[in-house]
Amino acid sequence: EAVLNQPAAGLPFGTLKRVELARAMASQPKLLLLD
């Protein structure tokens, strides 16, 4: 929530990993492939 309105550029790597996870989960997948 604290970074919702910030651009992705410049945010810590661990935070960006969670953003990518949120985006993948946003499609409501039955199967999630984590690479």
Full PDB file with SEQRES, HELIX, SHEET, SSBOND, CRYST1, ORIGX, SCALE, CONECT and MASTER records, all heavy atoms in Angstrom:
SEQRES   1 A   35  GLU ALA VAL LEU ASN GLN PRO ALA ALA GLY LEU PRO PHE          
SEQRES   2 A   35  GLY THR LEU LYS ARG VAL GLU LEU ALA ARG ALA MET ALA          
SEQRES   3 A   35  SER GLN PRO LYS LEU LEU LEU LEU ASP                          
HELIX    1 AA1 PHE A   13  ALA A   26  1                                  14    
CRYST1    1.000    1.000    1.000  90.00  90.00  90.00 P 1           1          
ORIGX1      1.000000  0.000000  0.000000        0.00000                         
ORIGX2      0.000000  1.000000  0.000000        0.00000                         
ORIGX3      0.000000  0.000000  1.000000        0.00000                         
SCALE1      1.000000  0.000000  0.000000        0.00000                         
SCALE2      0.000000  1.000000  0.000000        0.00000                         
SCALE3      0.000000  0.000000  1.000000        0.00000                         
ATOM      1  N   GLU A   1       0.821  -1.222   0.000  1.00  0.00           N  
ATOM      2  CA  GLU A   1       0.000   0.000   0.000  1.00  0.00           C  
ATOM      3  C   GLU A   1       0.851   1.267   0.000  1.00  0.00           C  
ATOM      4  O   GLU A   1       0.496   2.247  -0.657  1.00  0.00           O  
ATOM      5  CB  GLU A   1      -0.938   0.065   1.219  1.00  0.00           C  
ATOM      6  CG  GLU A   1      -1.935  -1.071   1.304  1.00  0.00           C  
ATOM      7  CD  GLU A   1      -1.603  -1.995   2.452  1.00  0.00           C  
ATOM      8  OE1 GLU A   1      -0.420  -2.406   2.579  1.00  0.00           O  
ATOM      9  OE2 GLU A   1      -2.514  -2.308   3.216  1.00  0.00           O  
ATOM     10  N   ALA A   2       1.957   1.269   0.712  1.00  0.00           N  
ATOM     11  CA  ALA A   2       2.773   2.477   0.868  1.00  0.00           C  
ATOM     12  C   ALA A   2       3.400   2.941  -0.449  1.00  0.00           C  
ATOM     13  O   ALA A   2       3.772   4.119  -0.581  1.00  0.00           O  
ATOM     14  CB  ALA A   2       3.862   2.239   1.901  1.00  0.00           C  
ATOM     15  N   VAL A   3       3.534   2.025  -1.421  1.00  0.00           N  
ATOM     16  CA  VAL A   3       4.208   2.393  -2.678  1.00  0.00           C  
ATOM     17  C   VAL A   3       3.260   2.369  -3.881  1.00  0.00           C  
ATOM     18  O   VAL A   3       3.700   2.504  -5.018  1.00  0.00           O  
ATOM     19  CB  VAL A   3       5.420   1.455  -2.964  1.00  0.00           C  
ATOM     20  CG1 VAL A   3       6.481   1.625  -1.896  1.00  0.00           C  
ATOM     21  CG2 VAL A   3       4.990  -0.014  -3.075  1.00  0.00           C  
ATOM     22  N   LEU A   4       1.950   2.236  -3.624  1.00  0.00           N  
ATOM     23  CA  LEU A   4       0.987   2.054  -4.717  1.00  0.00           C  
ATOM     24  C   LEU A   4       1.065   3.104  -5.808  1.00  0.00           C  
ATOM     25  O   LEU A   4       0.907   2.787  -6.986  1.00  0.00           O  
ATOM     26  CB  LEU A   4      -0.443   2.038  -4.155  1.00  0.00           C  
ATOM     27  CG  LEU A   4      -1.071   0.669  -3.899  1.00  0.00           C  
ATOM     28  CD1 LEU A   4      -2.532   0.835  -3.537  1.00  0.00           C  
ATOM     29  CD2 LEU A   4      -0.926  -0.241  -5.111  1.00  0.00           C  
ATOM     30  N   ASN A   5       1.299   4.349  -5.427  1.00  0.00           N  
ATOM     31  CA  ASN A   5       1.294   5.421  -6.422  1.00  0.00           C  
ATOM     32  C   ASN A   5       2.679   5.786  -6.933  1.00  0.00           C  
ATOM     33  O   ASN A   5       2.830   6.702  -7.732  1.00  0.00           O  
ATOM     34  CB  ASN A   5       0.596   6.659  -5.839  1.00  0.00           C  
ATOM     35  CG  ASN A   5      -0.862   6.361  -5.514  1.00  0.00           C  
ATOM     36  OD1 ASN A   5      -1.575   5.782  -6.333  1.00  0.00           O  
ATOM     37  ND2 ASN A   5      -1.296   6.719  -4.313  1.00  0.00           N  
ATOM     38  N   GLN A   6       3.686   5.055  -6.472  1.00  0.00           N  
ATOM     39  CA  GLN A   6       5.053   5.318  -6.945  1.00  0.00           C  
ATOM     40  C   GLN A   6       5.335   4.531  -8.222  1.00  0.00           C  
ATOM     41  O   GLN A   6       4.785   3.438  -8.417  1.00  0.00           O  
ATOM     42  CB  GLN A   6       6.062   4.898  -5.871  1.00  0.00           C  
ATOM     43  CG  GLN A   6       6.008   5.747  -4.609  1.00  0.00           C  
ATOM     44  CD  GLN A   6       7.108   5.358  -3.643  1.00  0.00           C  
ATOM     45  OE1 GLN A   6       8.217   5.012  -4.052  1.00  0.00           O  
ATOM     46  NE2 GLN A   6       6.810   5.404  -2.351  1.00  0.00           N  
ATOM     47  N   PRO A   7       6.201   5.070  -9.091  1.00  0.00           N  
ATOM     48  CA  PRO A   7       6.599   4.276 -10.269  1.00  0.00           C  
ATOM     49  C   PRO A   7       7.491   3.112  -9.835  1.00  0.00           C  
ATOM     50  O   PRO A   7       8.116   3.152  -8.770  1.00  0.00           O  
ATOM     51  CB  PRO A   7       7.376   5.282 -11.123  1.00  0.00           C  
ATOM     52  CG  PRO A   7       7.843   6.326 -10.169  1.00  0.00           C  
ATOM     53  CD  PRO A   7       6.834   6.395  -9.066  1.00  0.00           C  
ATOM     54  N   ALA A   8       7.531   2.077 -10.660  1.00  0.00           N  
ATOM     55  CA  ALA A   8       8.347   0.904 -10.334  1.00  0.00           C  
ATOM     56  C   ALA A   8       9.840   1.252 -10.283  1.00  0.00           C  
ATOM     57  O   ALA A   8      10.585   0.695  -9.471  1.00  0.00           O  
ATOM     58  CB  ALA A   8       8.100  -0.197 -11.359  1.00  0.00           C  
ATOM     59  N   ALA A   9      10.254   2.165 -11.159  1.00  0.00           N  
ATOM     60  CA  ALA A   9      11.683   2.533 -11.220  1.00  0.00           C  
ATOM     61  C   ALA A   9      12.166   3.032  -9.867  1.00  0.00           C  
ATOM     62  O   ALA A   9      11.542   3.885  -9.246  1.00  0.00           O  
ATOM     63  CB  ALA A   9      11.890   3.604 -12.282  1.00  0.00           C  
ATOM     64  N   GLY A  10      13.287   2.466  -9.413  1.00  0.00           N  
ATOM     65  CA  GLY A  10      13.913   2.956  -8.195  1.00  0.00           C  
ATOM     66  C   GLY A  10      13.488   2.252  -6.915  1.00  0.00           C  
ATOM     67  O   GLY A  10      14.083   2.474  -5.862  1.00  0.00           O  
ATOM     68  N   LEU A  11      12.461   1.424  -6.975  1.00  0.00           N  
ATOM     69  CA  LEU A  11      12.033   0.724  -5.760  1.00  0.00           C  
ATOM     70  C   LEU A  11      12.946  -0.476  -5.494  1.00  0.00           C  
ATOM     71  O   LEU A  11      13.546  -1.030  -6.423  1.00  0.00           O  
ATOM     72  CB  LEU A  11      10.578   0.256  -5.906  1.00  0.00           C  
ATOM     73  CG  LEU A  11       9.517   1.357  -5.818  1.00  0.00           C  
ATOM     74  CD1 LEU A  11       8.145   0.799  -6.134  1.00  0.00           C  
ATOM     75  CD2 LEU A  11       9.524   2.020  -4.447  1.00  0.00           C  
ATOM     76  N   PRO A  12      13.064  -0.909  -4.226  1.00  0.00           N  
ATOM     77  CA  PRO A  12      13.938  -2.042  -3.907  1.00  0.00           C  
ATOM     78  C   PRO A  12      13.529  -3.313  -4.649  1.00  0.00           C  
ATOM     79  O   PRO A  12      12.342  -3.541  -4.927  1.00  0.00           O  
ATOM     80  CB  PRO A  12      13.750  -2.221  -2.386  1.00  0.00           C  
ATOM     81  CG  PRO A  12      13.223  -0.919  -1.903  1.00  0.00           C  
ATOM     82  CD  PRO A  12      12.430  -0.336  -3.029  1.00  0.00           C  
ATOM     83  N   PHE A  13      14.537  -4.141  -4.933  1.00  0.00           N  
ATOM     84  CA  PHE A  13      14.316  -5.361  -5.723  1.00  0.00           C  
ATOM     85  C   PHE A  13      13.277  -6.277  -5.059  1.00  0.00           C  
ATOM     86  O   PHE A  13      12.395  -6.819  -5.729  1.00  0.00           O  
ATOM     87  CB  PHE A  13      15.652  -6.094  -5.881  1.00  0.00           C  
ATOM     88  CG  PHE A  13      15.589  -7.268  -6.820  1.00  0.00           C  
ATOM     89  CD1 PHE A  13      15.456  -7.084  -8.188  1.00  0.00           C  
ATOM     90  CD2 PHE A  13      15.653  -8.566  -6.331  1.00  0.00           C  
ATOM     91  CE1 PHE A  13      15.398  -8.161  -9.056  1.00  0.00           C  
ATOM     92  CE2 PHE A  13      15.602  -9.651  -7.192  1.00  0.00           C  
ATOM     93  CZ  PHE A  13      15.466  -9.443  -8.551  1.00  0.00           C  
ATOM     94  N   GLY A  14      13.377  -6.446  -3.746  1.00  0.00           N  
ATOM     95  CA  GLY A  14      12.432  -7.324  -3.042  1.00  0.00           C  
ATOM     96  C   GLY A  14      11.002  -6.839  -3.173  1.00  0.00           C  
ATOM     97  O   GLY A  14      10.068  -7.643  -3.313  1.00  0.00           O  
ATOM     98  N   THR A  15      10.816  -5.517  -3.152  1.00  0.00           N  
ATOM     99  CA  THR A  15       9.479  -4.929  -3.326  1.00  0.00           C  
ATOM    100  C   THR A  15       8.958  -5.214  -4.732  1.00  0.00           C  
ATOM    101  O   THR A  15       7.798  -5.600  -4.914  1.00  0.00           O  
ATOM    102  CB  THR A  15       9.533  -3.397  -3.096  1.00  0.00           C  
ATOM    103  OG1 THR A  15      10.025  -3.152  -1.781  1.00  0.00           O  
ATOM    104  CG2 THR A  15       8.164  -2.757  -3.259  1.00  0.00           C  
ATOM    105  N   LEU A  16       9.833  -5.049  -5.728  1.00  0.00           N  
ATOM    106  CA  LEU A  16       9.426  -5.275  -7.122  1.00  0.00           C  
ATOM    107  C   LEU A  16       9.062  -6.736  -7.370  1.00  0.00           C  
ATOM    108  O   LEU A  16       8.172  -7.032  -8.168  1.00  0.00           O  
ATOM    109  CB  LEU A  16      10.538  -4.831  -8.077  1.00  0.00           C  
ATOM    110  CG  LEU A  16      10.844  -3.331  -8.058  1.00  0.00           C  
ATOM    111  CD1 LEU A  16      12.007  -3.008  -8.984  1.00  0.00           C  
ATOM    112  CD2 LEU A  16       9.614  -2.502  -8.440  1.00  0.00           C  
ATOM    113  N   LYS A  17       9.725  -7.646  -6.670  1.00  0.00           N  
ATOM    114  CA  LYS A  17       9.372  -9.074  -6.780  1.00  0.00           C  
ATOM    115  C   LYS A  17       7.930  -9.291  -6.300  1.00  0.00           C  
ATOM    116  O   LYS A  17       7.177 -10.069  -6.886  1.00  0.00           O  
ATOM    117  CB  LYS A  17      10.330  -9.929  -5.938  1.00  0.00           C  
ATOM    118  CG  LYS A  17      11.688 -10.142  -6.574  1.00  0.00           C  
ATOM    119  CD  LYS A  17      11.712 -11.450  -7.340  1.00  0.00           C  
ATOM    120  CE  LYS A  17      13.103 -11.801  -7.811  1.00  0.00           C  
ATOM    121  NZ  LYS A  17      13.162 -13.113  -8.471  1.00  0.00           N  
ATOM    122  N   ARG A  18       7.553  -8.580  -5.227  1.00  0.00           N  
ATOM    123  CA  ARG A  18       6.178  -8.711  -4.715  1.00  0.00           C  
ATOM    124  C   ARG A  18       5.173  -8.081  -5.674  1.00  0.00           C  
ATOM    125  O   ARG A  18       4.054  -8.580  -5.829  1.00  0.00           O  
ATOM    126  CB  ARG A  18       6.069  -8.076  -3.318  1.00  0.00           C  
ATOM    127  CG  ARG A  18       6.538  -9.021  -2.223  1.00  0.00           C  
ATOM    128  CD  ARG A  18       6.352  -8.440  -0.839  1.00  0.00           C  
ATOM    129  NE  ARG A  18       7.335  -7.408  -0.558  1.00  0.00           N  
ATOM    130  CZ  ARG A  18       7.081  -6.278   0.097  1.00  0.00           C  
ATOM    131  NH1 ARG A  18       5.867  -6.018   0.534  1.00  0.00           N  
ATOM    132  NH2 ARG A  18       8.038  -5.409   0.306  1.00  0.00           N  
ATOM    133  N   VAL A  19       5.584  -6.988  -6.343  1.00  0.00           N  
ATOM    134  CA  VAL A  19       4.709  -6.367  -7.343  1.00  0.00           C  
ATOM    135  C   VAL A  19       4.446  -7.346  -8.480  1.00  0.00           C  
ATOM    136  O   VAL A  19       3.310  -7.517  -8.932  1.00  0.00           O  
ATOM    137  CB  VAL A  19       5.327  -5.063  -7.896  1.00  0.00           C  
ATOM    138  CG1 VAL A  19       4.471  -4.489  -9.032  1.00  0.00           C  
ATOM    139  CG2 VAL A  19       5.496  -4.035  -6.785  1.00  0.00           C  
ATOM    140  N   GLU A  20       5.504  -8.010  -8.935  1.00  0.00           N  
ATOM    141  CA  GLU A  20       5.326  -8.964 -10.034  1.00  0.00           C  
ATOM    142  C   GLU A  20       4.427 -10.125  -9.601  1.00  0.00           C  
ATOM    143  O   GLU A  20       3.604 -10.610 -10.377  1.00  0.00           O  
ATOM    144  CB  GLU A  20       6.679  -9.486 -10.531  1.00  0.00           C  
ATOM    145  CG  GLU A  20       6.505 -10.194 -11.862  1.00  0.00           C  
ATOM    146  CD  GLU A  20       7.788 -10.757 -12.440  1.00  0.00           C  
ATOM    147  OE1 GLU A  20       8.605 -11.271 -11.673  1.00  0.00           O  
ATOM    148  OE2 GLU A  20       7.932 -10.693 -13.658  1.00  0.00           O  
ATOM    149  N   LEU A  21       4.572 -10.554  -8.362  1.00  0.00           N  
ATOM    150  CA  LEU A  21       3.723 -11.617  -7.818  1.00  0.00           C  
ATOM    151  C   LEU A  21       2.267 -11.151  -7.772  1.00  0.00           C  
ATOM    152  O   LEU A  21       1.350 -11.898  -8.150  1.00  0.00           O  
ATOM    153  CB  LEU A  21       4.209 -11.989  -6.425  1.00  0.00           C  
ATOM    154  CG  LEU A  21       3.736 -13.295  -5.806  1.00  0.00           C  
ATOM    155  CD1 LEU A  21       3.951 -14.471  -6.739  1.00  0.00           C  
ATOM    156  CD2 LEU A  21       4.445 -13.529  -4.484  1.00  0.00           C  
ATOM    157  N   ALA A  22       2.046  -9.901  -7.339  1.00  0.00           N  
ATOM    158  CA  ALA A  22       0.685  -9.347  -7.303  1.00  0.00           C  
ATOM    159  C   ALA A  22       0.085  -9.294  -8.694  1.00  0.00           C  
ATOM    160  O   ALA A  22      -1.086  -9.628  -8.895  1.00  0.00           O  
ATOM    161  CB  ALA A  22       0.713  -7.937  -6.689  1.00  0.00           C  
ATOM    162  N   ARG A  23       0.888  -8.884  -9.679  1.00  0.00           N  
ATOM    163  CA  ARG A  23       0.377  -8.808 -11.055  1.00  0.00           C  
ATOM    164  C   ARG A  23       0.006 -10.193 -11.583  1.00  0.00           C  
ATOM    165  O   ARG A  23      -1.030 -10.363 -12.228  1.00  0.00           O  
ATOM    166  CB  ARG A  23       1.425  -8.161 -11.972  1.00  0.00           C  
ATOM    167  CG  ARG A  23       0.887  -7.947 -13.381  1.00  0.00           C  
ATOM    168  CD  ARG A  23       1.861  -7.217 -14.266  1.00  0.00           C  
ATOM    169  NE  ARG A  23       3.076  -7.986 -14.489  1.00  0.00           N  
ATOM    170  CZ  ARG A  23       4.116  -7.543 -15.186  1.00  0.00           C  
ATOM    171  NH1 ARG A  23       4.090  -6.324 -15.694  1.00  0.00           N  
ATOM    172  NH2 ARG A  23       5.177  -8.285 -15.362  1.00  0.00           N  
ATOM    173  N   ALA A  24       0.841 -11.195 -11.280  1.00  0.00           N  
ATOM    174  CA  ALA A  24       0.538 -12.560 -11.720  1.00  0.00           C  
ATOM    175  C   ALA A  24      -0.732 -13.075 -11.045  1.00  0.00           C  
ATOM    176  O   ALA A  24      -1.559 -13.738 -11.672  1.00  0.00           O  
ATOM    177  CB  ALA A  24       1.713 -13.482 -11.413  1.00  0.00           C  
ATOM    178  N   MET A  25      -0.910 -12.759  -9.753  1.00  0.00           N  
ATOM    179  CA  MET A  25      -2.094 -13.210  -9.030  1.00  0.00           C  
ATOM    180  C   MET A  25      -3.351 -12.442  -9.449  1.00  0.00           C  
ATOM    181  O   MET A  25      -4.466 -12.933  -9.282  1.00  0.00           O  
ATOM    182  CB  MET A  25      -1.879 -13.045  -7.523  1.00  0.00           C  
ATOM    183  CG  MET A  25      -0.905 -14.031  -6.915  1.00  0.00           C  
ATOM    184  SD  MET A  25      -1.506 -15.743  -7.026  1.00  0.00           S  
ATOM    185  CE  MET A  25      -2.841 -15.712  -5.822  1.00  0.00           C  
ATOM    186  N   ALA A  26      -3.181 -11.244 -10.019  1.00  0.00           N  
ATOM    187  CA  ALA A  26      -4.326 -10.424 -10.424  1.00  0.00           C  
ATOM    188  C   ALA A  26      -5.146 -11.081 -11.534  1.00  0.00           C  
ATOM    189  O   ALA A  26      -6.328 -10.783 -11.697  1.00  0.00           O  
ATOM    190  CB  ALA A  26      -3.849  -9.041 -10.880  1.00  0.00           C  
ATOM    191  N   SER A  27      -4.537 -11.973 -12.287  1.00  0.00           N  
ATOM    192  CA  SER A  27      -5.270 -12.675 -13.350  1.00  0.00           C  
ATOM    193  C   SER A  27      -6.071 -13.857 -12.808  1.00  0.00           C  
ATOM    194  O   SER A  27      -6.699 -14.576 -13.568  1.00  0.00           O  
ATOM    195  CB  SER A  27      -4.305 -13.151 -14.441  1.00  0.00           C  
ATOM    196  OG  SER A  27      -3.443 -14.160 -13.925  1.00  0.00           O  
ATOM    197  N   GLN A  28      -6.030 -14.025 -11.470  1.00  0.00           N  
ATOM    198  CA  GLN A  28      -6.745 -15.120 -10.797  1.00  0.00           C  
ATOM    199  C   GLN A  28      -6.389 -16.483 -11.409  1.00  0.00           C  
ATOM    200  O   GLN A  28      -7.263 -17.229 -11.841  1.00  0.00           O  
ATOM    201  CB  GLN A  28      -8.261 -14.884 -10.846  1.00  0.00           C  
ATOM    202  CG  GLN A  28      -8.684 -13.607 -10.157  1.00  0.00           C  
ATOM    203  CD  GLN A  28     -10.145 -13.257 -10.383  1.00  0.00           C  
ATOM    204  OE1 GLN A  28     -10.859 -13.932 -11.111  1.00  0.00           O  
ATOM    205  NE2 GLN A  28     -10.576 -12.183  -9.762  1.00  0.00           N  
ATOM    206  N   PRO A  29      -5.101 -16.801 -11.443  1.00  0.00           N  
ATOM    207  CA  PRO A  29      -4.695 -18.053 -12.093  1.00  0.00           C  
ATOM    208  C   PRO A  29      -5.082 -19.286 -11.279  1.00  0.00           C  
ATOM    209  O   PRO A  29      -5.112 -19.241 -10.049  1.00  0.00           O  
ATOM    210  CB  PRO A  29      -3.170 -17.926 -12.165  1.00  0.00           C  
ATOM    211  CG  PRO A  29      -2.819 -17.068 -10.986  1.00  0.00           C  
ATOM    212  CD  PRO A  29      -3.955 -16.085 -10.865  1.00  0.00           C  
ATOM    213  N   LYS A  30      -5.376 -20.362 -11.985  1.00  0.00           N  
ATOM    214  CA  LYS A  30      -5.520 -21.670 -11.316  1.00  0.00           C  
ATOM    215  C   LYS A  30      -4.133 -22.240 -11.050  1.00  0.00           C  
ATOM    216  O   LYS A  30      -3.909 -22.934 -10.075  1.00  0.00           O  
ATOM    217  CB  LYS A  30      -6.283 -22.646 -12.226  1.00  0.00           C  
ATOM    218  CG  LYS A  30      -7.737 -22.323 -12.461  1.00  0.00           C  
ATOM    219  CD  LYS A  30      -8.329 -23.397 -13.373  1.00  0.00           C  
ATOM    220  CE  LYS A  30      -9.731 -23.034 -13.810  1.00  0.00           C  
ATOM    221  NZ  LYS A  30     -10.250 -24.030 -14.779  1.00  0.00           N  
ATOM    222  N   LEU A  31      -3.205 -21.947 -11.982  1.00  0.00           N  
ATOM    223  CA  LEU A  31      -1.825 -22.421 -11.886  1.00  0.00           C  
ATOM    224  C   LEU A  31      -0.887 -21.232 -11.990  1.00  0.00           C  
ATOM    225  O   LEU A  31      -0.981 -20.440 -12.932  1.00  0.00           O  
ATOM    226  CB  LEU A  31      -1.516 -23.408 -13.019  1.00  0.00           C  
ATOM    227  CG  LEU A  31      -0.058 -23.886 -13.141  1.00  0.00           C  
ATOM    228  CD1 LEU A  31       0.344 -24.746 -11.946  1.00  0.00           C  
ATOM    229  CD2 LEU A  31       0.140 -24.669 -14.447  1.00  0.00           C  
ATOM    230  N   LEU A  32       0.016 -21.110 -11.021  1.00  0.00           N  
ATOM    231  CA  LEU A  32       0.999 -20.025 -11.029  1.00  0.00           C  
ATOM    232  C   LEU A  32       2.385 -20.620 -11.238  1.00  0.00           C  
ATOM    233  O   LEU A  32       2.828 -21.474 -10.467  1.00  0.00           O  
ATOM    234  CB  LEU A  32       0.943 -19.260  -9.702  1.00  0.00           C  
ATOM    235  CG  LEU A  32       1.891 -18.067  -9.558  1.00  0.00           C  
ATOM    236  CD1 LEU A  32       1.611 -17.000 -10.624  1.00  0.00           C  
ATOM    237  CD2 LEU A  32       1.761 -17.458  -8.158  1.00  0.00           C  
ATOM    238  N   LEU A  33       3.067 -20.171 -12.295  1.00  0.00           N  
ATOM    239  CA  LEU A  33       4.427 -20.607 -12.590  1.00  0.00           C  
ATOM    240  C   LEU A  33       5.390 -19.581 -12.009  1.00  0.00           C  
ATOM    241  O   LEU A  33       5.389 -18.422 -12.424  1.00  0.00           O  
ATOM    242  CB  LEU A  33       4.638 -20.713 -14.114  1.00  0.00           C  
ATOM    243  CG  LEU A  33       3.634 -21.556 -14.900  1.00  0.00           C  
ATOM    244  CD1 LEU A  33       3.914 -21.454 -16.401  1.00  0.00           C  
ATOM    245  CD2 LEU A  33       3.662 -23.013 -14.460  1.00  0.00           C  
ATOM    246  N   LEU A  34       6.183 -19.994 -11.031  1.00  0.00           N  
ATOM    247  CA  LEU A  34       7.140 -19.090 -10.388  1.00  0.00           C  
ATOM    248  C   LEU A  34       8.548 -19.434 -10.864  1.00  0.00           C  
ATOM    249  O   LEU A  34       9.056 -20.519 -10.590  1.00  0.00           O  
ATOM    250  CB  LEU A  34       7.061 -19.212  -8.860  1.00  0.00           C  
ATOM    251  CG  LEU A  34       5.745 -18.796  -8.198  1.00  0.00           C  
ATOM    252  CD1 LEU A  34       5.832 -18.990  -6.688  1.00  0.00           C  
ATOM    253  CD2 LEU A  34       5.401 -17.344  -8.520  1.00  0.00           C  
ATOM    254  N   ASP A  35       9.165 -18.509 -11.585  1.00  0.00           N  
ATOM    255  CA  ASP A  35      10.485 -18.738 -12.180  1.00  0.00           C  
ATOM    256  C   ASP A  35      11.551 -18.044 -11.330  1.00  0.00           C  
ATOM    257  O   ASP A  35      11.681 -16.821 -11.365  1.00  0.00           O  
ATOM    258  CB  ASP A  35      10.496 -18.190 -13.616  1.00  0.00           C  
ATOM    259  CG  ASP A  35      11.723 -18.624 -14.397  1.00  0.00           C  
ATOM    260  OD1 ASP A  35      12.579 -19.325 -13.823  1.00  0.00           O  
ATOM    261  OD2 ASP A  35      11.828 -18.262 -15.577  1.00  0.00           O  
TER     262      ASP A  35                                                      
MASTER        0    0    0    1    0    0    0    6  261    1    0    3          
END                                                                             
